[in-house]
C-alpha atoms as a PDB file:
ATOM      1  CA  MET A   1      37.216 142.043-222.584  1.00  0.00           C
ATOM      2  CA  PRO A   2      40.363 143.033-220.663  1.00  0.00           C
ATOM      3  CA  PRO A   3      43.842 141.669-221.457  1.00  0.00           C
ATOM      4  CA  TYR A   4      45.063 138.483-219.810  1.00  0.00           C
ATOM      5  CA  HIS A   5      47.162 138.923-216.679  1.00  0.00           C
ATOM      6  CA  CYS A   6      49.698 136.709-214.945  1.00  0.00           C
ATOM      7  CA  THR A   7      47.942 134.098-212.813  1.00  0.00           C
ATOM      8  CA  LEU A   8      51.011 132.762-211.025  1.00  0.00           C
ATOM      9  CA  PRO A   9      51.506 133.424-207.308  1.00  0.00           C
ATOM     10  CA  VAL A  10      54.275 135.936-206.599  1.00  0.00           C
ATOM     11  CA  GLU A  11      54.435 135.722-202.797  1.00  0.00           C
ATOM     12  CA  GLY A  12      57.972 134.923-201.656  1.00  0.00           C
ATOM     13  CA  VAL A  13      59.356 135.197-205.211  1.00  0.00           C
ATOM     14  CA  PRO A  14      62.525 137.268-205.766  1.00  0.00           C
ATOM     15  CA  ARG A  15      62.039 140.598-207.510  1.00  0.00           C
ATOM     16  CA  ALA A  16      64.140 142.936-209.615  1.00  0.00           C
ATOM     17  CA  CYS A  17      63.170 146.177-211.393  1.00  0.00           C
ATOM     18  CA  GLY A  18      59.540 145.697-210.375  1.00  0.00           C
ATOM     19  CA  CYS A  19      59.331 142.214-211.943  1.00  0.00           C
ATOM     20  CA  ALA A  20      58.737 138.908-210.236  1.00  0.00           C
ATOM     21  CA  LEU A  21      61.570 136.527-211.115  1.00  0.00           C
ATOM     22  CA  LEU A  22      59.241 133.557-211.430  1.00  0.00           C
ATOM     23  CA  ALA A  23      60.464 129.981-211.732  1.00  0.00           C
ATOM     24  CA  VAL A  24      60.668 128.631-215.256  1.00  0.00           C
ATOM     25  CA  ALA A  25      60.170 124.936-216.014  1.00  0.00           C
ATOM     26  CA  ASP A  26      63.246 123.225-217.384  1.00  0.00           C
ATOM     27  CA  ARG A  27      62.166 121.175-220.393  1.00  0.00           C
ATOM     28  CA  PRO A  28      64.427 119.432-222.897  1.00  0.00           C
ATOM     29  CA  GLY A  29      64.533 121.616-225.991  1.00  0.00           C
ATOM     30  CA  ASP A  30      62.020 123.866-224.259  1.00  0.00           C
ATOM     31  CA  ALA A  31      59.087 121.918-225.586  1.00  0.00           C
ATOM     32  CA  PRO A  32      55.570 123.154-224.841  1.00  0.00           C
ATOM     33  CA  PRO A  33      53.935 121.905-221.623  1.00  0.00           C
ATOM     34  CA  PRO A  34      52.183 118.558-221.645  1.00  0.00           C
ATOM     35  CA  GLU A  35      48.414 118.709-222.056  1.00  0.00           C
ATOM     36  CA  GLY A  36      46.909 119.645-218.721  1.00  0.00           C
ATOM     37  CA  GLY A  37      50.399 120.401-217.424  1.00  0.00           C
ATOM     38  CA  GLU A  38      51.260 123.334-215.225  1.00  0.00           C
ATOM     39  CA  LEU A  39      52.069 126.578-217.016  1.00  0.00           C
ATOM     40  CA  ASP A  40      55.047 128.725-216.115  1.00  0.00           C
ATOM     41  CA  VAL A  41      55.363 132.418-216.976  1.00  0.00           C
ATOM     42  CA  LEU A  42      56.829 131.636-220.417  1.00  0.00           C
ATOM     43  CA  ASP A  43      53.902 129.352-221.253  1.00  0.00           C
ATOM     44  CA  GLN A  44      51.456 132.019-220.087  1.00  0.00           C
ATOM     45  CA  ALA A  45      53.181 134.682-222.188  1.00  0.00           C
ATOM     46  CA  ILE A  46      52.917 132.493-225.292  1.00  0.00           C
ATOM     47  CA  ARG A  47      49.362 131.361-224.569  1.00  0.00           C
ATOM     48  CA  PHE A  48      48.136 134.933-223.958  1.00  0.00           C
ATOM     49  CA  PHE A  49      50.235 136.564-226.692  1.00  0.00           C
ATOM     50  CA  ARG A  50      47.775 136.499-229.597  1.00  0.00           C
ATOM     51  CA  ALA A  51      44.997 137.982-227.464  1.00  0.00           C
ATOM     52  CA  ASN A  52      47.102 140.481-225.510  1.00  0.00           C
ATOM     53  CA  VAL A  53      48.921 141.870-228.537  1.00  0.00           C
ATOM     54  CA  LEU A  54      45.601 143.194-229.853  1.00  0.00           C
ATOM     55  CA  PHE A  55      45.101 145.472-226.845  1.00  0.00           C
ATOM     56  CA  LYS A  56      46.181 149.111-226.776  1.00  0.00           C
ATOM     57  CA  ARG A  57      46.300 149.247-222.958  1.00  0.00           C
ATOM     58  CA  PHE A  58      47.562 146.935-220.249  1.00  0.00           C
ATOM     59  CA  ASP A  59      46.931 147.737-216.594  1.00  0.00           C
ATOM     60  CA  VAL A  60      49.791 146.333-214.542  1.00  0.00           C
ATOM     61  CA  ARG A  61      48.417 144.639-211.423  1.00  0.00           C
ATOM     62  CA  GLY A  62      51.701 143.553-209.892  1.00  0.00           C
ATOM     63  CA  GLU A  63      55.186 142.175-210.369  1.00  0.00           C
ATOM     64  CA  GLY A  64      53.985 139.073-212.234  1.00  0.00           C
ATOM     65  CA  ASP A  65      52.225 141.287-214.772  1.00  0.00           C
ATOM     66  CA  ARG A  66      55.442 143.235-215.411  1.00  0.00           C
ATOM     67  CA  THR A  67      57.252 139.997-216.183  1.00  0.00           C
ATOM     68  CA  LEU A  68      54.421 138.957-218.504  1.00  0.00           C
ATOM     69  CA  LEU A  69      54.394 142.429-220.064  1.00  0.00           C
ATOM     70  CA  TYR A  70      58.097 142.344-220.921  1.00  0.00           C
ATOM     71  CA  LEU A  71      57.799 138.819-222.327  1.00  0.00           C
ATOM     72  CA  THR A  72      54.852 139.902-224.490  1.00  0.00           C
ATOM     73  CA  PHE A  73      56.940 142.743-225.929  1.00  0.00           C
ATOM     74  CA  TYR A  74      59.792 140.299-226.511  1.00  0.00           C
ATOM     75  CA  LEU A  75      57.477 137.794-228.212  1.00  0.00           C
ATOM     76  CA  SER A  76      56.305 140.572-230.497  1.00  0.00           C
ATOM     77  CA  LEU A  77      59.944 141.182-231.442  1.00  0.00           C
ATOM     78  CA  CYS A  78      60.406 137.428-231.981  1.00  0.00           C
ATOM     79  CA  MET A  79      57.400 137.292-234.281  1.00  0.00           C
ATOM     80  CA  ASN A  80      58.770 140.213-236.270  1.00  0.00           C
ATOM     81  CA  ARG A  81      62.051 138.344-236.773  1.00  0.00           C
ATOM     82  CA  LEU A  82      60.302 135.084-237.608  1.00  0.00           C
ATOM     83  CA  GLU A  83      58.418 136.757-240.439  1.00  0.00           C
ATOM     84  CA  LYS A  84      61.512 136.394-242.629  1.00  0.00           C
ATOM     85  CA  ALA A  85      62.161 132.795-241.539  1.00  0.00           C
ATOM     86  CA  ARG A  86      60.112 130.506-243.766  1.00  0.00           C
ATOM     87  CA  THR A  87      61.384 127.221-242.290  1.00  0.00           C
ATOM     88  CA  ARG A  88      61.865 126.028-238.758  1.00  0.00           C
ATOM     89  CA  ALA A  89      65.641 125.838-239.232  1.00  0.00           C
ATOM     90  CA  GLU A  90      65.718 129.499-240.260  1.00  0.00           C
ATOM     91  CA  GLY A  91      63.479 130.310-237.283  1.00  0.00           C
ATOM     92  CA  GLU A  92      65.826 128.521-234.880  1.00  0.00           C
ATOM     93  CA  ARG A  93      68.756 130.566-236.190  1.00  0.00           C
ATOM     94  CA  ALA A  94      66.771 133.803-235.923  1.00  0.00           C
ATOM     95  CA  MET A  95      65.728 133.075-232.321  1.00  0.00           C
ATOM     96  CA  ALA A  96      69.279 132.125-231.303  1.00  0.00           C
ATOM     97  CA  GLU A  97      70.667 135.349-232.817  1.00  0.00           C
ATOM     98  CA  LEU A  98      67.988 137.473-231.173  1.00  0.00           C
ATOM     99  CA  ALA A  99      68.583 135.898-227.756  1.00  0.00           C
ATOM    100  CA  ARG A 100      72.307 136.754-228.001  1.00  0.00           C
ATOM    101  CA  GLU A 101      71.704 140.429-228.811  1.00  0.00           C
ATOM    102  CA  SER A 102      72.247 142.947-226.031  1.00  0.00           C
ATOM    103  CA  PHE A 103      69.147 144.620-224.605  1.00  0.00           C
ATOM    104  CA  ALA A 104      68.288 147.491-222.304  1.00  0.00           C
ATOM    105  CA  ALA A 105      67.193 147.213-218.680  1.00  0.00           C
ATOM    106  CA  PRO A 106      64.822 149.535-216.800  1.00  0.00           C
ATOM    107  CA  GLY A 107      66.608 152.829-216.281  1.00  0.00           C
ATOM    108  CA  ASP A 108      68.950 152.503-219.287  1.00  0.00           C
ATOM    109  CA  SER A 109      68.847 155.314-221.840  1.00  0.00           C
ATOM    110  CA  LYS A 110      67.509 152.946-224.548  1.00  0.00           C
ATOM    111  CA  TRP A 111      64.722 151.558-222.336  1.00  0.00           C
ATOM    112  CA  ILE A 112      61.359 152.334-223.998  1.00  0.00           C
ATOM    113  CA  LEU A 113      59.006 150.937-221.338  1.00  0.00           C
ATOM    114  CA  GLY A 114      59.751 153.468-218.608  1.00  0.00           C
ATOM    115  CA  ALA A 115      56.142 154.060-217.609  1.00  0.00           C
ATOM    116  CA  PHE A 116      55.607 150.401-216.705  1.00  0.00           C
ATOM    117  CA  PHE A 117      58.839 149.525-214.885  1.00  0.00           C
ATOM    118  CA  PRO A 118      60.609 151.240-212.006  1.00  0.00           C
ATOM    119  CA  THR A 119      64.259 152.095-212.530  1.00  0.00           C
ATOM    120  CA  ALA A 120      66.773 149.684-211.040  1.00  0.00           C
ATOM    121  CA  ALA A 121      67.863 150.800-207.576  1.00  0.00           C
ATOM    122  CA  SER A 122      71.415 149.584-208.207  1.00  0.00           C
ATOM    123  CA  GLN A 123      73.594 148.104-210.906  1.00  0.00           C
ATOM    124  CA  GLY A 124      73.307 144.753-209.108  1.00  0.00           C
ATOM    125  CA  GLU A 125      69.521 144.821-209.411  1.00  0.00           C
ATOM    126  CA  ALA A 126      69.760 145.699-213.118  1.00  0.00           C
ATOM    127  CA  ASP A 127      72.243 142.852-213.656  1.00  0.00           C
ATOM    128  CA  GLU A 128      69.968 140.398-211.824  1.00  0.00           C
ATOM    129  CA  TRP A 129      67.008 141.483-213.995  1.00  0.00           C
ATOM    130  CA  LYS A 130      69.037 141.208-217.190  1.00  0.00           C
ATOM    131  CA  GLY A 131      70.336 137.748-216.224  1.00  0.00           C
ATOM    132  CA  TYR A 132      66.819 136.487-215.556  1.00  0.00           C
ATOM    133  CA  MET A 133      65.389 138.028-218.729  1.00  0.00           C
ATOM    134  CA  LYS A 134      68.281 136.731-220.844  1.00  0.00           C
ATOM    135  CA  SER A 135      67.429 133.199-219.723  1.00  0.00           C
ATOM    136  CA  CYS A 136      63.719 133.818-220.371  1.00  0.00           C
ATOM    137  CA  ARG A 137      64.425 135.288-223.816  1.00  0.00           C
ATOM    138  CA  GLU A 138      66.423 132.207-224.831  1.00  0.00           C
ATOM    139  CA  ARG A 139      63.787 129.770-223.642  1.00  0.00           C
ATOM    140  CA  VAL A 140      60.650 131.575-224.774  1.00  0.00           C
ATOM    141  CA  GLY A 141      62.096 131.965-228.271  1.00  0.00           C
ATOM    142  CA  ARG A 142      62.712 128.214-228.502  1.00  0.00           C
ATOM    143  CA  ARG A 143      59.245 127.436-227.159  1.00  0.00           C
ATOM    144  CA  LEU A 144      57.609 129.840-229.589  1.00  0.00           C
ATOM    145  CA  LEU A 145      59.022 127.812-232.482  1.00  0.00           C
ATOM    146  CA  HIS A 146      56.786 124.870-231.493  1.00  0.00           C
ATOM    147  CA  TYR A 147      53.762 127.069-232.147  1.00  0.00           C
ATOM    148  CA  CYS A 148      54.924 129.007-235.209  1.00  0.00           C
ATOM    149  CA  TYR A 149      56.081 126.002-237.241  1.00  0.00           C
ATOM    150  CA  LYS A 150      54.299 122.790-238.113  1.00  0.00           C
ATOM    151  CA  ALA A 151      55.833 119.328-237.711  1.00  0.00           C
ATOM    152  CA  ASP A 152      56.990 119.379-241.343  1.00  0.00           C
ATOM    153  CA  GLY A 153      58.972 122.601-240.728  1.00  0.00           C
ATOM    154  CA  SER A 154      56.670 124.962-242.607  1.00  0.00           C
ATOM    155  CA  TYR A 155      55.241 127.972-240.800  1.00  0.00           C
ATOM    156  CA  ASP A 156      51.805 128.077-239.231  1.00  0.00           C
ATOM    157  CA  LYS A 157      49.775 130.856-240.843  1.00  0.00           C
ATOM    158  CA  PHE A 158      47.552 131.252-237.777  1.00  0.00           C
ATOM    159  CA  TRP A 159      50.565 132.257-235.673  1.00  0.00           C
ATOM    160  CA  MET A 160      52.555 134.014-238.366  1.00  0.00           C
ATOM    161  CA  SER A 161      49.665 136.384-239.059  1.00  0.00           C
ATOM    162  CA  PHE A 162      50.723 138.149-235.828  1.00  0.00           C
ATOM    163  CA  CYS A 163      54.192 139.056-237.133  1.00  0.00           C
ATOM    164  CA  ASN A 164      53.456 142.723-237.703  1.00  0.00           C
ATOM    165  CA  LYS A 165      51.378 143.388-234.600  1.00  0.00           C
ATOM    166  CA  LYS A 166      52.776 145.890-232.110  1.00  0.00           C
ATOM    167  CA  PHE A 167      51.725 145.427-228.505  1.00  0.00           C
ATOM    168  CA  MET A 168      50.306 148.763-227.294  1.00  0.00           C
ATOM    169  CA  GLY A 169      51.797 150.440-230.354  1.00  0.00           C
ATOM    170  CA  LYS A 170      55.364 149.950-229.082  1.00  0.00           C
ATOM    171  CA  ALA A 171      58.168 147.623-230.114  1.00  0.00           C
ATOM    172  CA  LEU A 172      61.422 146.556-228.512  1.00  0.00           C
ATOM    173  CA  THR A 173      64.486 147.163-230.651  1.00  0.00           C
END
């Protein structure tokens, strides 16, 4: 069985650093989508995370897949941080702190995913990519909390069992 790929259309969507800058649904508190509701790229990244993180390879089929790929690596980092957070309140603090941390863009010296992403053609393109991903990082971290913690605030063992998994043997720092 191959990994799950992005199913969203990317025609006419802005791009930066080889990624499609797909629209993200604006939900209060970044709640999960309603049942039967339309999924955005953040929802797809979360929904596919537990399956995709088990794969050692991921064949990039386009710009949407690169966006999904980065978000999967980021979710893996989120899960690693959530391992220490036993309550939802601790998880919220951990996700907020992680979202505020600086991070590398394609072409930076600390960028570890060079084989999957083309280098930014200009500083403006790198800034556009970082701005988009910063927004995605903030939102996907908040949405992930709805899955990792139960209504009573305790963690969900079926999600938290993925805390130490490394997607393709790599990890963002």
